[in-house]
C-alpha atoms as a PDB file:
ATOM      1  CA  MET A   1       7.367 -90.793  24.169  1.00  0.00           C
ATOM      2  CA  LYS A   2       7.891 -87.802  26.472  1.00  0.00           C
ATOM      3  CA  ASP A   3       7.790 -88.127  30.213  1.00  0.00           C
ATOM      4  CA  TRP A   4       5.480 -85.429  31.564  1.00  0.00           C
ATOM      5  CA  SER A   5       6.394 -83.648  34.750  1.00  0.00           C
ATOM      6  CA  TRP A   6       3.848 -83.217  37.494  1.00  0.00           C
ATOM      7  CA  LEU A   7       3.690 -79.488  36.782  1.00  0.00           C
ATOM      8  CA  GLU A   8       3.017 -80.016  32.990  1.00  0.00           C
ATOM      9  CA  VAL A   9       0.179 -82.471  33.837  1.00  0.00           C
ATOM     10  CA  CYS A  10      -1.391 -79.999  36.308  1.00  0.00           C
ATOM     11  CA  VAL A  11      -1.201 -77.113  33.861  1.00  0.00           C
ATOM     12  CA  ALA A  12      -2.672 -79.178  31.025  1.00  0.00           C
ATOM     13  CA  LEU A  13      -5.573 -80.375  33.214  1.00  0.00           C
ATOM     14  CA  THR A  14      -6.180 -76.879  34.531  1.00  0.00           C
ATOM     15  CA  LEU A  15      -6.365 -75.413  31.043  1.00  0.00           C
ATOM     16  CA  THR A  16      -8.709 -78.161  29.859  1.00  0.00           C
ATOM     17  CA  VAL A  17     -11.076 -77.628  32.806  1.00  0.00           C
ATOM     18  CA  PHE A  18     -10.904 -73.904  32.417  1.00  0.00           C
ATOM     19  CA  ALA A  19     -11.864 -74.114  28.722  1.00  0.00           C
ATOM     20  CA  GLY A  20     -14.783 -76.363  29.584  1.00  0.00           C
ATOM     21  CA  ILE A  21     -16.031 -73.948  32.251  1.00  0.00           C
ATOM     22  CA  ILE A  22     -15.908 -71.053  29.791  1.00  0.00           C
ATOM     23  CA  THR A  23     -17.791 -73.022  27.133  1.00  0.00           C
ATOM     24  CA  LEU A  24     -20.468 -74.072  29.649  1.00  0.00           C
ATOM     25  CA  ALA A  25     -20.867 -70.505  30.897  1.00  0.00           C
ATOM     26  CA  GLU A  26     -21.334 -69.183  27.351  1.00  0.00           C
ATOM     27  CA  MET A  27     -23.936 -71.905  26.590  1.00  0.00           C
ATOM     28  CA  LEU A  28     -25.884 -71.070  29.826  1.00  0.00           C
ATOM     29  CA  GLU A  29     -25.713 -67.335  29.128  1.00  0.00           C
ATOM     30  CA  HIS A  30     -27.308 -67.777  25.676  1.00  0.00           C
ATOM     31  CA  GLN A  31     -29.805 -70.449  26.803  1.00  0.00           C
ATOM     32  CA  HIS A  32     -31.836 -68.415  29.350  1.00  0.00           C
ATOM     33  CA  LYS A  33     -33.866 -65.462  28.165  1.00  0.00           C
ATOM     34  CA  PRO A  34     -35.989 -63.378  30.521  1.00  0.00           C
ATOM     35  CA  VAL A  35     -39.743 -63.921  30.258  1.00  0.00           C
ATOM     36  CA  PRO A  36     -42.424 -61.545  31.657  1.00  0.00           C
ATOM     37  CA  GLU A  37     -44.432 -62.835  34.554  1.00  0.00           C
ATOM     38  CA  SER A  38     -47.657 -63.154  32.572  1.00  0.00           C
ATOM     39  CA  THR A  39     -49.187 -61.747  29.493  1.00  0.00           C
ATOM     40  CA  SER A  40     -52.649 -61.171  28.068  1.00  0.00           C
ATOM     41  CA  ASP A  41     -53.722 -62.155  24.585  1.00  0.00           C
ATOM     42  CA  SER A  42     -52.633 -58.814  23.306  1.00  0.00           C
ATOM     43  CA  GLY A  43     -49.070 -59.474  24.525  1.00  0.00           C
ATOM     44  CA  GLU A  44     -49.212 -56.880  27.268  1.00  0.00           C
ATOM     45  CA  GLU A  45     -48.061 -57.657  30.802  1.00  0.00           C
ATOM     46  CA  THR A  46     -50.883 -58.234  33.258  1.00  0.00           C
ATOM     47  CA  GLY A  47     -49.150 -57.730  36.517  1.00  0.00           C
ATOM     48  CA  GLY A  48     -45.855 -57.744  38.165  1.00  0.00           C
ATOM     49  CA  SER A  49     -43.620 -54.927  39.196  1.00  0.00           C
ATOM     50  CA  ASP A  50     -42.682 -51.648  37.491  1.00  0.00           C
ATOM     51  CA  ILE A  51     -39.225 -52.991  36.719  1.00  0.00           C
ATOM     52  CA  GLY A  52     -38.404 -52.644  33.052  1.00  0.00           C
ATOM     53  CA  LYS A  53     -41.174 -50.188  32.154  1.00  0.00           C
ATOM     54  CA  GLY A  54     -40.546 -48.556  28.790  1.00  0.00           C
ATOM     55  CA  LYS A  55     -38.646 -51.599  27.511  1.00  0.00           C
ATOM     56  CA  LYS A  56     -39.925 -53.806  24.698  1.00  0.00           C
ATOM     57  CA  LYS A  57     -42.251 -56.449  26.119  1.00  0.00           C
ATOM     58  CA  GLU A  58     -41.791 -60.031  25.080  1.00  0.00           C
ATOM     59  CA  LYS A  59     -44.825 -62.259  24.532  1.00  0.00           C
ATOM     60  CA  ARG A  60     -44.775 -65.264  26.752  1.00  0.00           C
ATOM     61  CA  ILE A  61     -45.121 -68.671  25.066  1.00  0.00           C
ATOM     62  CA  ALA A  62     -46.680 -71.473  27.081  1.00  0.00           C
ATOM     63  CA  LYS A  63     -44.592 -74.568  27.558  1.00  0.00           C
ATOM     64  CA  VAL A  64     -45.940 -77.736  25.985  1.00  0.00           C
ATOM     65  CA  ASN A  65     -45.029 -81.384  26.533  1.00  0.00           C
ATOM     66  CA  PHE A  66     -43.177 -82.868  23.509  1.00  0.00           C
ATOM     67  CA  VAL A  67     -44.990 -85.967  22.197  1.00  0.00           C
ATOM     68  CA  PRO A  68     -42.268 -88.341  21.008  1.00  0.00           C
ATOM     69  CA  THR A  69     -42.696 -90.824  18.177  1.00  0.00           C
ATOM     70  CA  ASN A  70     -40.272 -93.293  16.457  1.00  0.00           C
ATOM     71  CA  GLU A  71     -39.552 -90.650  13.735  1.00  0.00           C
ATOM     72  CA  TRP A  72     -37.347 -87.575  14.184  1.00  0.00           C
ATOM     73  CA  GLN A  73     -39.425 -84.509  14.975  1.00  0.00           C
ATOM     74  CA  PRO A  74     -38.331 -80.851  15.281  1.00  0.00           C
ATOM     75  CA  VAL A  75     -38.069 -79.576  18.836  1.00  0.00           C
ATOM     76  CA  GLU A  76     -39.251 -76.031  19.416  1.00  0.00           C
ATOM     77  CA  GLU A  77     -38.271 -73.616  22.214  1.00  0.00           C
ATOM     78  CA  HIS A  78     -41.662 -74.107  23.950  1.00  0.00           C
ATOM     79  CA  HIS A  79     -41.325 -77.931  24.164  1.00  0.00           C
ATOM     80  CA  ILE A  80     -40.650 -79.763  27.364  1.00  0.00           C
ATOM     81  CA  LEU A  81     -38.781 -82.965  26.584  1.00  0.00           C
ATOM     82  CA  PRO A  82     -39.428 -86.171  28.608  1.00  0.00           C
ATOM     83  CA  PRO A  83     -36.401 -88.204  29.652  1.00  0.00           C
ATOM     84  CA  GLY A  84     -35.141 -91.050  27.553  1.00  0.00           C
ATOM     85  CA  LEU A  85     -35.205 -89.464  24.070  1.00  0.00           C
ATOM     86  CA  GLU A  86     -32.566 -89.458  21.334  1.00  0.00           C
ATOM     87  CA  ILE A  87     -31.758 -85.871  20.529  1.00  0.00           C
ATOM     88  CA  ARG A  88     -29.729 -84.508  17.607  1.00  0.00           C
ATOM     89  CA  MET A  89     -28.898 -81.048  16.243  1.00  0.00           C
ATOM     90  CA  ASN A  90     -28.583 -79.943  12.637  1.00  0.00           C
ATOM     91  CA  LEU A  91     -25.311 -77.978  12.839  1.00  0.00           C
ATOM     92  CA  GLN A  92     -26.034 -76.081   9.631  1.00  0.00           C
ATOM     93  CA  THR A  93     -29.468 -74.752  10.781  1.00  0.00           C
ATOM     94  CA  GLY A  94     -29.223 -75.095  14.567  1.00  0.00           C
ATOM     95  CA  GLN A  95     -32.560 -76.991  14.589  1.00  0.00           C
ATOM     96  CA  ASN A  96     -32.935 -79.688  17.301  1.00  0.00           C
ATOM     97  CA  TYR A  97     -34.790 -82.963  16.646  1.00  0.00           C
ATOM     98  CA  ALA A  98     -35.945 -85.727  18.999  1.00  0.00           C
ATOM     99  CA  ARG A  99     -37.421 -89.227  18.860  1.00  0.00           C
ATOM    100  CA  ARG A 100     -37.926 -92.191  21.103  1.00  0.00           C
ATOM    101  CA  CYS A 101     -34.800 -94.248  21.668  1.00  0.00           C
ATOM    102  CA  SER A 102     -34.561 -97.013  19.111  1.00  0.00           C
ATOM    103  CA  SER A 103     -32.953-100.443  19.594  1.00  0.00           C
ATOM    104  CA  ASN A 104     -31.073-100.114  16.295  1.00  0.00           C
ATOM    105  CA  ASN A 105     -28.889 -97.120  15.404  1.00  0.00           C
ATOM    106  CA  ASP A 106     -29.969 -95.350  12.216  1.00  0.00           C
END
């Protein structure tokens, strides 16, 4: 077993922390998308400033509370999840699922 010098330990820890920060920054960058202040039923903005005029307008989707059950349910972008849920992601499709925490692990 190799004895690590203080410098080697510091470099290894620094690189590990740096890699984690980069990963977190990339996740946060892709997580938040700009949403217009408000929209009408036709998808047009109904107020706000003149910033972004001429750009494609995104339709705003209202946030809805997720109603958990004991079965896995798909989680959509407009869902607000309450605390205490089990959450999983299908790595092939990227779809998230949530359910109430169960006492036994399935």
